[in-house]
Protein backbone atom coordinates (compact mmCIF):
# COMPACT_ATOMS: atom_id res chain seq x y z
CA MET A 1 -13.16 21.20 -13.18
CA LEU A 2 -9.36 20.92 -13.39
CA VAL A 3 -8.93 24.68 -12.72
CA ARG A 4 -11.45 24.05 -9.74
CA VAL A 5 -9.17 21.32 -8.47
CA ASP A 6 -5.87 22.90 -8.92
CA GLU A 7 -7.00 26.22 -7.53
CA GLN A 8 -9.56 25.60 -5.33
CA GLY A 9 -8.63 22.52 -3.54
CA ALA A 10 -11.97 20.75 -5.10
CA TYR A 11 -12.31 17.14 -4.81
CA SER A 12 -12.37 15.73 -8.54
CA ASN A 13 -14.62 12.66 -7.51
CA LEU A 14 -17.37 14.78 -5.91
CA LEU A 15 -17.07 17.75 -8.64
CA LEU A 16 -17.12 15.46 -11.62
CA ASN A 17 -20.12 13.56 -10.15
CA SER A 18 -21.88 16.98 -9.38
CA SER A 19 -20.66 18.49 -12.90
CA LEU A 20 -22.02 15.31 -14.85
CA GLN A 21 -25.35 15.23 -13.15
CA LYS A 22 -25.84 18.87 -14.32
CA SER A 23 -24.43 18.60 -17.65
CA GLY A 24 -26.84 16.55 -19.75
CA LEU A 25 -23.95 14.57 -21.52
CA SER A 26 -24.58 11.38 -23.08
CA ARG A 27 -23.11 8.29 -21.50
CA GLU A 28 -20.12 8.13 -24.29
CA ASP A 29 -19.35 11.97 -23.54
CA ALA A 30 -19.84 11.37 -20.06
CA GLY A 31 -17.22 8.74 -19.87
CA LEU A 32 -14.59 10.59 -21.97
CA ALA A 33 -15.29 13.49 -19.61
CA THR A 34 -14.46 11.31 -16.75
CA GLU A 35 -11.24 10.01 -18.59
CA LEU A 36 -10.10 13.41 -19.24
CA VAL A 37 -10.38 14.91 -15.86
CA TYR A 38 -8.96 12.12 -13.92
CA GLY A 39 -6.19 11.08 -16.30
CA THR A 40 -4.83 14.73 -16.52
CA ILE A 41 -4.78 14.86 -12.77
CA SER A 42 -3.29 11.35 -12.52
CA ARG A 43 -0.57 12.21 -14.61
CA LEU A 44 0.21 15.71 -13.50
CA ILE A 45 4.12 15.39 -12.73
CA THR A 46 4.62 13.69 -16.02
CA LEU A 47 2.73 16.38 -18.05
CA ASP A 48 4.19 19.21 -16.23
CA PHE A 49 7.89 17.69 -16.76
CA VAL A 50 7.15 17.66 -20.26
CA LEU A 51 5.18 21.14 -20.78
CA GLU A 52 8.59 22.48 -18.73
CA GLN A 53 10.78 21.56 -21.76
CA PHE A 54 8.52 23.82 -24.42
CA VAL A 55 6.84 26.57 -22.12
CA SER A 56 9.52 29.18 -22.46
CA LYS A 57 8.43 31.35 -19.09
CA GLY A 58 7.34 28.35 -17.10
CA LEU A 59 4.30 26.89 -16.32
CA VAL A 60 4.13 28.58 -12.71
CA LYS A 61 3.49 31.76 -14.59
CA LEU A 62 0.85 31.31 -16.61
CA GLN A 63 -2.87 31.49 -15.68
CA PRO A 64 -4.49 28.36 -14.14
CA TRP A 65 -6.89 28.08 -17.03
CA VAL A 66 -4.15 28.21 -19.50
CA ARG A 67 -1.84 25.83 -17.46
CA SER A 68 -5.00 23.20 -17.11
CA LEU A 69 -5.52 23.77 -20.92
CA LEU A 70 -2.21 22.73 -21.68
CA ARG A 71 -2.43 19.86 -19.26
CA LEU A 72 -5.54 18.65 -20.54
CA SER A 73 -4.20 18.91 -24.30
CA LEU A 74 -1.13 17.11 -23.52
CA TYR A 75 -2.95 14.00 -21.80
CA GLN A 76 -4.62 13.32 -24.80
CA ILE A 77 -1.81 13.71 -27.26
CA MET A 78 0.53 11.27 -24.86
CA TYR A 79 -1.94 9.08 -23.50
CA LEU A 80 -5.46 8.55 -25.78
CA ASP A 81 -5.20 6.67 -28.91
CA ARG A 82 -8.27 7.26 -30.05
CA ILE A 83 -8.28 11.19 -29.92
CA PRO A 84 -5.88 12.22 -33.06
CA SER A 85 -3.32 14.93 -31.88
CA HIS A 86 -3.88 17.49 -34.46
CA ALA A 87 -7.64 17.23 -33.20
CA ALA A 88 -6.46 17.81 -29.64
CA VAL A 89 -4.29 20.71 -30.65
CA ASN A 90 -7.12 22.38 -32.90
CA GLU A 91 -9.65 22.30 -29.88
CA ALA A 92 -7.21 23.61 -27.39
CA VAL A 93 -6.48 26.48 -30.03
CA ASN A 94 -9.99 27.07 -30.19
CA ILE A 95 -10.43 27.22 -26.33
CA SER A 96 -7.60 29.42 -25.98
CA LYS A 97 -9.33 31.94 -28.40
CA LYS A 98 -12.54 31.97 -26.54
CA ARG A 99 -11.30 32.49 -23.20
CA GLY A 100 -8.09 34.48 -24.13
CA HIS A 101 -6.41 36.73 -26.81
CA GLN A 102 -4.57 36.08 -29.80
CA GLY A 103 -1.55 35.71 -27.66
CA ILE A 104 -2.56 33.12 -25.82
CA SER A 105 -3.72 31.04 -28.64
CA GLY A 106 -0.56 31.73 -30.29
CA MET A 107 1.38 30.16 -27.43
CA VAL A 108 -0.88 27.37 -26.87
CA ASN A 109 -0.46 26.41 -30.46
CA GLY A 110 3.32 26.79 -30.53
CA VAL A 111 3.82 24.60 -27.38
CA LEU A 112 1.41 21.88 -28.54
CA ARG A 113 2.92 21.65 -32.01
CA SER A 114 6.36 21.76 -30.59
CA VAL A 115 5.48 18.75 -28.42
CA LEU A 116 3.81 16.95 -31.65
CA ARG A 117 7.45 17.55 -33.46
CA ALA A 118 9.45 16.26 -30.63
CA GLY A 119 7.57 12.40 -31.18
CA ASP A 120 7.54 10.12 -28.03
CA LEU A 121 7.63 11.57 -24.69
CA PRO A 122 8.55 11.60 -21.86
CA VAL A 123 12.30 11.41 -22.28
CA LEU A 124 13.63 11.46 -19.08
CA PRO A 125 17.40 11.60 -18.05
CA GLY A 126 19.84 8.86 -17.66
CA ASN A 127 21.05 9.72 -14.29
CA LEU A 128 17.90 9.67 -12.27
CA SER A 129 17.66 7.47 -9.21
CA GLU A 130 15.23 4.61 -9.18
CA ALA A 131 12.73 6.35 -6.69
CA LYS A 132 13.12 9.59 -9.13
CA ARG A 133 12.12 7.86 -12.48
CA ILE A 134 9.29 5.99 -10.97
CA SER A 135 8.11 9.26 -9.79
CA LEU A 136 8.36 11.04 -13.07
CA GLN A 137 7.38 8.35 -15.63
CA HIS A 138 4.31 7.11 -13.12
CA SER A 139 3.54 10.72 -11.72
CA HIS A 140 3.58 9.85 -7.97
CA PRO A 141 4.98 12.34 -5.39
CA LEU A 142 8.71 11.42 -4.71
CA TRP A 143 8.00 10.76 -0.86
CA MET A 144 5.40 8.27 -1.26
CA VAL A 145 7.60 6.33 -3.89
CA LYS A 146 10.28 6.12 -1.57
CA ARG A 147 8.04 4.89 0.75
CA TRP A 148 7.07 2.27 -0.88
CA ILE A 149 10.41 1.42 -2.09
CA ALA A 150 11.34 0.91 1.34
CA GLU A 151 8.22 -1.43 2.17
CA TYR A 152 7.80 -3.33 -0.89
CA GLY A 153 10.80 -2.90 -3.02
CA ALA A 154 11.36 -1.13 -6.47
CA GLU A 155 9.43 -3.51 -8.82
CA ILE A 156 6.56 -3.80 -6.49
CA ALA A 157 6.55 0.13 -5.74
CA GLU A 158 6.66 0.86 -9.64
CA ALA A 159 3.59 -1.72 -10.34
CA ILE A 160 1.49 0.14 -7.55
CA CYS A 161 1.94 3.22 -9.26
CA ALA A 162 1.47 2.01 -12.42
CA ALA A 163 -1.73 0.40 -11.19
CA ASN A 164 -2.78 3.70 -9.75
CA ASN A 165 -3.06 5.37 -13.33
CA GLU A 166 -5.21 2.73 -14.86
CA PRO A 167 -8.91 3.54 -14.77
CA PRO A 168 -10.76 1.80 -11.97
CA ALA A 169 -13.09 -1.01 -12.59
CA VAL A 170 -16.65 -0.89 -12.04
CA SER A 171 -17.78 -3.69 -9.54
CA VAL A 172 -21.10 -4.22 -7.65
CA ARG A 173 -21.97 -6.28 -4.29
CA VAL A 174 -25.09 -8.74 -4.98
CA ASN A 175 -27.44 -8.00 -2.19
CA THR A 176 -28.02 -11.97 -1.68
CA THR A 177 -31.05 -11.45 0.75
CA LEU A 178 -33.18 -10.62 -2.45
CA ILE A 179 -31.13 -12.54 -5.54
CA SER A 180 -28.19 -14.75 -5.84
CA ARG A 181 -25.24 -13.66 -7.46
CA GLU A 182 -25.89 -16.35 -10.15
CA LYS A 183 -29.00 -15.38 -11.14
CA LEU A 184 -27.97 -11.60 -11.14
CA LEU A 185 -25.11 -12.28 -13.33
CA ASN A 186 -27.31 -14.32 -15.65
CA GLU A 187 -29.49 -11.33 -15.93
CA MET A 188 -27.07 -8.92 -16.63
CA GLN A 189 -25.48 -11.00 -19.30
CA GLU A 190 -29.08 -11.54 -21.10
CA GLN A 191 -29.35 -7.65 -21.26
CA GLY A 192 -26.17 -7.38 -23.11
CA LEU A 193 -23.41 -6.15 -20.40
CA ASN A 194 -20.07 -7.46 -20.29
CA ALA A 195 -20.45 -8.83 -16.50
CA LEU A 196 -18.14 -11.43 -14.81
CA ALA A 197 -18.35 -13.05 -11.58
CA SER A 198 -15.43 -11.16 -9.23
CA GLU A 199 -12.53 -13.77 -8.29
CA VAL A 200 -11.91 -11.51 -5.39
CA SER A 201 -15.53 -11.73 -3.58
CA PRO A 202 -18.00 -14.35 -3.97
CA TYR A 203 -20.72 -11.53 -3.70
CA GLY A 204 -19.08 -9.36 -6.49
CA ILE A 205 -19.86 -8.86 -10.20
CA VAL A 206 -17.58 -6.81 -12.35
CA VAL A 207 -18.86 -5.09 -15.31
CA LYS A 208 -17.22 -3.34 -18.04
CA GLY A 209 -18.44 -0.50 -20.27
CA GLY A 210 -22.14 -0.63 -18.38
CA GLY A 211 -21.87 2.93 -17.43
CA ASN A 212 -23.11 3.97 -14.20
CA MET A 213 -24.93 1.03 -12.53
CA ALA A 214 -26.34 3.41 -9.95
CA LEU A 215 -28.69 4.41 -12.69
CA THR A 216 -30.08 1.26 -13.42
CA PRO A 217 -33.29 -0.69 -12.01
CA TRP A 218 -31.32 -3.48 -10.35
CA TYR A 219 -29.95 -0.39 -8.11
CA ARG A 220 -32.97 1.26 -7.51
CA ASP A 221 -34.77 -2.04 -6.47
CA GLY A 222 -31.81 -2.98 -4.09
CA TYR A 223 -30.52 -6.11 -6.10
CA LEU A 224 -27.02 -4.74 -5.91
CA SER A 225 -24.52 -1.73 -4.29
CA ILE A 226 -21.69 -0.23 -5.89
CA GLN A 227 -18.66 -1.26 -4.06
CA ASP A 228 -15.00 -2.18 -4.82
CA GLU A 229 -13.97 -5.89 -4.75
CA SER A 230 -11.37 -5.09 -2.10
CA SER A 231 -13.96 -3.49 0.54
CA MET A 232 -16.50 -6.33 0.05
CA LEU A 233 -13.80 -8.61 1.75
CA VAL A 234 -14.37 -6.54 5.08
CA ALA A 235 -17.74 -7.77 5.74
CA GLU A 236 -16.77 -11.19 4.85
CA ALA A 237 -13.88 -10.84 7.34
CA VAL A 238 -16.16 -10.12 9.99
CA ALA A 239 -18.23 -13.10 9.19
CA PRO A 240 -21.29 -12.05 11.11
CA GLU A 241 -24.06 -14.61 11.41
CA PRO A 242 -27.90 -14.11 11.82
CA GLY A 243 -28.78 -12.95 15.37
CA MET A 244 -25.55 -11.32 16.49
CA LYS A 245 -25.03 -7.86 17.97
CA VAL A 246 -22.64 -6.15 15.73
CA LEU A 247 -21.08 -2.90 16.07
CA ASP A 248 -19.62 -0.57 12.89
CA CYS A 249 -17.73 1.89 14.41
CA CYS A 250 -17.07 4.35 11.38
CA ALA A 251 -19.66 3.38 9.26
CA ALA A 252 -20.73 5.74 6.53
CA PRO A 253 -21.23 5.72 3.78
CA GLY A 254 -22.63 2.42 4.75
CA GLY A 255 -21.63 -0.08 2.32
CA LYS A 256 -19.94 -2.75 4.53
CA THR A 257 -22.56 -2.25 7.12
CA ALA A 258 -25.46 -3.25 4.45
CA HIS A 259 -23.14 -6.15 3.29
CA MET A 260 -23.22 -7.42 7.30
CA ALA A 261 -26.74 -6.91 7.45
CA GLU A 262 -27.09 -9.13 4.15
CA LEU A 263 -24.69 -11.67 5.38
CA MET A 264 -26.84 -11.72 8.59
CA LYS A 265 -30.15 -12.48 6.43
CA ASP A 266 -31.18 -9.24 8.20
CA GLU A 267 -31.58 -11.02 11.18
CA GLY A 268 -30.10 -9.54 14.19
CA TYR A 269 -28.88 -6.13 15.58
CA ILE A 270 -26.14 -3.75 13.63
CA TYR A 271 -25.55 -0.58 15.49
CA ALA A 272 -23.58 1.55 12.61
CA ASN A 273 -22.08 4.92 14.04
CA ASP A 274 -20.59 7.94 12.28
CA LEU A 275 -19.43 10.95 13.56
CA HIS A 276 -21.04 13.27 11.05
CA LEU A 277 -24.96 13.35 11.18
CA HIS A 278 -25.00 13.81 7.51
CA LYS A 279 -22.71 11.07 6.66
CA ALA A 280 -25.09 9.02 9.02
CA LYS A 281 -28.06 9.37 6.88
CA LEU A 282 -26.37 8.12 3.96
CA ILE A 283 -26.32 4.66 5.71
CA SER A 284 -30.13 5.28 6.56
CA ASP A 285 -30.74 5.62 3.13
CA GLN A 286 -28.73 2.51 2.02
CA ALA A 287 -30.82 0.14 4.58
CA VAL A 288 -34.07 1.71 3.17
CA ARG A 289 -32.97 1.02 -0.35
CA LEU A 290 -31.68 -2.35 0.36
CA GLY A 291 -34.75 -3.32 2.28
CA LEU A 292 -32.54 -4.08 5.42
CA GLU A 293 -34.21 -3.39 8.74
CA SER A 294 -31.43 -4.91 11.04
CA ILE A 295 -29.71 -1.40 10.94
CA VAL A 296 -29.57 0.95 13.70
CA ILE A 297 -27.83 4.42 13.35
CA GLY A 298 -25.98 6.32 15.81
CA SER A 299 -24.06 9.66 15.31
CA VAL A 300 -21.19 10.07 18.12
CA ASP A 301 -17.41 10.46 18.06
CA ALA A 302 -16.07 6.51 17.62
CA MET A 303 -13.69 7.09 20.46
CA ASP A 304 -16.68 7.69 22.80
CA LEU A 305 -18.14 4.56 22.02
CA ASP A 306 -16.51 3.16 25.16
CA SER A 307 -18.70 5.40 27.29
CA THR A 308 -22.21 5.00 25.35
CA CYS A 309 -22.51 1.32 24.69
CA GLU A 310 -21.95 -1.59 27.20
CA HIS A 311 -18.75 -3.18 27.76
CA SER A 312 -18.34 -6.74 26.45
CA SER A 313 -21.75 -6.61 24.56
CA PHE A 314 -21.12 -7.09 21.05
CA ASP A 315 -20.34 -10.33 19.15
CA ARG A 316 -18.59 -8.52 16.15
CA ILE A 317 -16.76 -5.25 15.83
CA LEU A 318 -15.75 -3.88 12.48
CA LEU A 319 -13.42 -1.05 12.83
CA ASP A 320 -12.99 0.47 9.35
CA ALA A 321 -10.77 3.04 10.44
CA PRO A 322 -10.27 6.68 9.03
CA CYS A 323 -6.81 6.23 6.94
CA SER A 324 -4.62 7.95 4.54
CA GLY A 325 -6.60 6.43 1.70
CA LEU A 326 -3.39 5.54 -0.26
CA GLY A 327 -5.18 2.43 -1.63
CA VAL A 328 -7.56 4.31 -3.58
CA ILE A 329 -5.25 6.69 -5.52
CA ARG A 330 -7.04 5.38 -8.47
CA ARG A 331 -10.49 6.17 -7.73
CA LYS A 332 -9.15 9.62 -6.18
CA PRO A 333 -6.26 10.78 -8.13
CA ASP A 334 -6.17 14.13 -6.67
CA LEU A 335 -5.64 12.49 -3.29
CA LYS A 336 -1.92 11.77 -3.79
CA TRP A 337 -1.40 15.58 -4.50
CA ARG A 338 -2.66 16.27 -0.94
CA LYS A 339 -1.15 13.89 1.09
CA GLU A 340 1.77 14.86 2.97
CA PRO A 341 4.36 12.37 4.87
CA GLU A 342 3.41 13.56 8.27
CA ASP A 343 -0.27 12.92 7.53
CA VAL A 344 0.28 9.00 7.72
CA ALA A 345 1.75 9.67 11.64
CA SER A 346 -0.91 11.60 12.72
CA ILE A 347 -3.73 9.40 11.50
CA ALA A 348 -1.94 6.37 12.89
CA ALA A 349 -2.14 7.98 16.52
CA LEU A 350 -6.00 8.41 15.79
CA GLN A 351 -6.17 4.55 14.72
CA LYS A 352 -4.38 3.46 17.53
CA GLY A 353 -6.43 5.12 20.13
CA LEU A 354 -9.59 4.08 18.26
CA LEU A 355 -8.91 0.14 18.45
CA GLU A 356 -7.74 0.47 22.06
CA SER A 357 -10.90 1.96 22.60
CA VAL A 358 -13.77 0.18 20.83
CA SER A 359 -12.05 -3.34 21.84
CA LYS A 360 -13.33 -2.99 25.38
CA LEU A 361 -16.79 -3.30 24.04
CA LEU A 362 -16.32 -6.77 22.67
CA LYS A 363 -17.82 -9.96 24.22
CA PRO A 364 -15.19 -12.74 24.99
CA GLY A 365 -14.69 -15.15 22.10
CA GLY A 366 -16.10 -12.42 19.53
CA MET A 367 -14.28 -11.14 16.89
CA LEU A 368 -13.08 -7.25 15.88
CA VAL A 369 -11.91 -6.55 12.57
CA TYR A 370 -9.61 -3.60 11.63
CA SER A 371 -9.46 -2.47 8.07
CA THR A 372 -7.82 0.35 6.11
CA CYS A 373 -7.95 1.40 2.53
CA THR A 374 -4.24 2.39 2.62
CA THR A 375 -1.13 0.61 1.74
CA GLU A 376 0.99 1.99 4.73
CA GLN A 377 2.00 -0.39 7.49
CA ALA A 378 2.57 2.57 9.79
CA GLU A 379 -1.58 2.83 9.61
CA ASN A 380 -1.88 -1.43 9.38
CA SER A 381 0.62 -3.89 10.55
CA ASP A 382 2.25 -1.33 13.02
CA ILE A 383 -1.11 -0.59 14.84
CA VAL A 384 -2.13 -4.40 15.08
CA THR A 385 1.09 -5.62 16.62
CA SER A 386 1.20 -2.79 18.93
CA PHE A 387 -2.20 -3.32 20.10
CA LEU A 388 -1.94 -7.23 20.58
CA ASP A 389 1.43 -6.54 22.39
CA MET A 390 -0.76 -4.15 24.81
CA ASN A 391 -3.83 -6.57 24.91
CA PRO A 392 -2.79 -10.25 25.62
CA ASP A 393 -6.54 -10.96 26.22
CA PHE A 394 -6.63 -10.77 22.03
CA THR A 395 -5.15 -12.97 19.35
CA ALA A 396 -4.76 -12.74 15.67
CA ILE A 397 -6.91 -15.27 13.67
CA THR A 398 -6.48 -13.49 10.39
CA PHE A 399 -4.82 -16.52 8.44
CA SER A 400 -7.63 -18.83 9.33
CA SER A 401 -10.12 -16.95 7.23
CA PRO A 402 -11.52 -18.38 3.98
CA ILE A 403 -10.06 -14.68 2.27
CA TRP A 404 -6.52 -15.86 3.17
CA GLY A 405 -7.08 -19.38 1.76
CA ARG A 406 -8.48 -17.60 -1.44
CA LEU A 407 -5.96 -14.55 -1.85
CA GLN A 408 -2.75 -15.77 -0.40
CA GLU A 409 -1.27 -16.74 -3.76
CA THR A 410 -1.19 -13.05 -4.56
CA ALA A 411 -2.01 -10.87 -1.46
CA LEU A 412 0.53 -10.14 0.92
CA ALA A 413 1.05 -11.11 4.93
CA ARG A 414 1.60 -8.17 6.81
CA GLY A 415 1.85 -8.55 10.33
CA GLU A 416 -1.04 -9.86 11.81
CA GLY A 417 -2.90 -9.22 8.52
CA ILE A 418 -3.74 -9.34 4.80
CA GLN A 419 -2.52 -6.28 2.52
CA ILE A 420 -4.03 -6.10 -0.72
CA LEU A 421 -2.05 -3.65 -3.03
CA PRO A 422 -3.71 -2.11 -6.28
CA ASN A 423 -1.59 -4.18 -8.58
CA HIS A 424 -2.65 -7.29 -7.26
CA PHE A 425 -6.37 -7.76 -8.57
CA GLY A 426 -6.83 -4.19 -10.14
CA SER A 427 -8.96 -3.60 -6.87
CA ASP A 428 -8.40 -0.92 -4.05
CA GLY A 429 -5.23 -1.52 -1.53
CA PHE A 430 -6.96 -2.61 1.67
CA TYR A 431 -5.80 -4.16 5.02
CA ILE A 432 -7.78 -6.48 7.09
CA SER A 433 -6.84 -8.23 10.24
CA CYS A 434 -9.22 -10.47 12.35
CA LEU A 435 -8.77 -10.16 16.04
CA GLN A 436 -10.39 -12.58 18.71
CA ARG A 437 -10.90 -11.81 22.24
CA ARG A 438 -9.95 -14.97 24.30
CA LEU A 439 -12.57 -16.50 26.68
């Protein structure tokens, strides 16, 4: 898996899920495999910094599988307490003997045993800039660290990077059309799960050590959906009511769509749109599993919705905009190695056009929620501020939302929206802004 991510650009989360489904591993071994893959990818800069000190001809000259094997083994030595270092070395040598020849196994053995003799690592040079130190210590691209320092300050930037390297929590959203959070929480605890009510969302439950919740009867029977706690806030911000007409512009895979339908008690009309047909089907699958009948699926370019839908016809609109995704690095660690600074600027232009276009579909007095799963204000508050400057018939009402009252001691106010960072609650980084069209 590591070689395919490194050499072929495979997406770690998709590859891991498909590989584990075929593997037949126990829950414990699947958990270890997940930790090894995500951890090795996440700590890439730090691992390579250390290995370069011990690989005489340089990492770049090694065969991809040898390079990945050294990274994987070093990750265990440096970051996993429950795997003895000698076991990690022995396993690496055995693998290198099977896949290579005696020269490779000797090199792998020599490098890793030299690492063990060196003691605590990494040892960073003392003359590093703050940004470079954070980049090396917490394994994030230097440009990303510099952006976060400029936006939030060095202390928060380092906290974001550290949080991104922590394993993501497993959280589920309760389908309140079928069961209350209290009742489902009691059922989970009675079955021995370490389950706690979310402090972020009144619809969420955090489950520790429960394995894949998609394999439980609760998921199969539609009592819950797997969703990050921050993501649960978006539908709550939309505040749809029974009987309303709602538009979800970029809806796949359908978690927020379904949550809105649940909040509406499945009474009303939700038009859930996504550009890609195969992704639109995911929304339909969610609705069927959850027993929701108020959702109608569409598949057009969201930029064209203003020509296919009646203007001033929706009570609520959700634009969960395409974004750089820098708030979900914890769940997709290879994302930070794929992104470049110019990606933020290019996606911001699309976001601005989408917001301008879909706003025409909102009724006077209605509310439009703009959200992203990123930390970048060029995609967040800058977009909203620019929109409000150009559209005086809209006003921001974000800070009258119950969400702000609940989170304001921790979350940040950015422009006319709420910015949640990965270090705030152990959930994804998200931005939410509520915009109302004047009567």
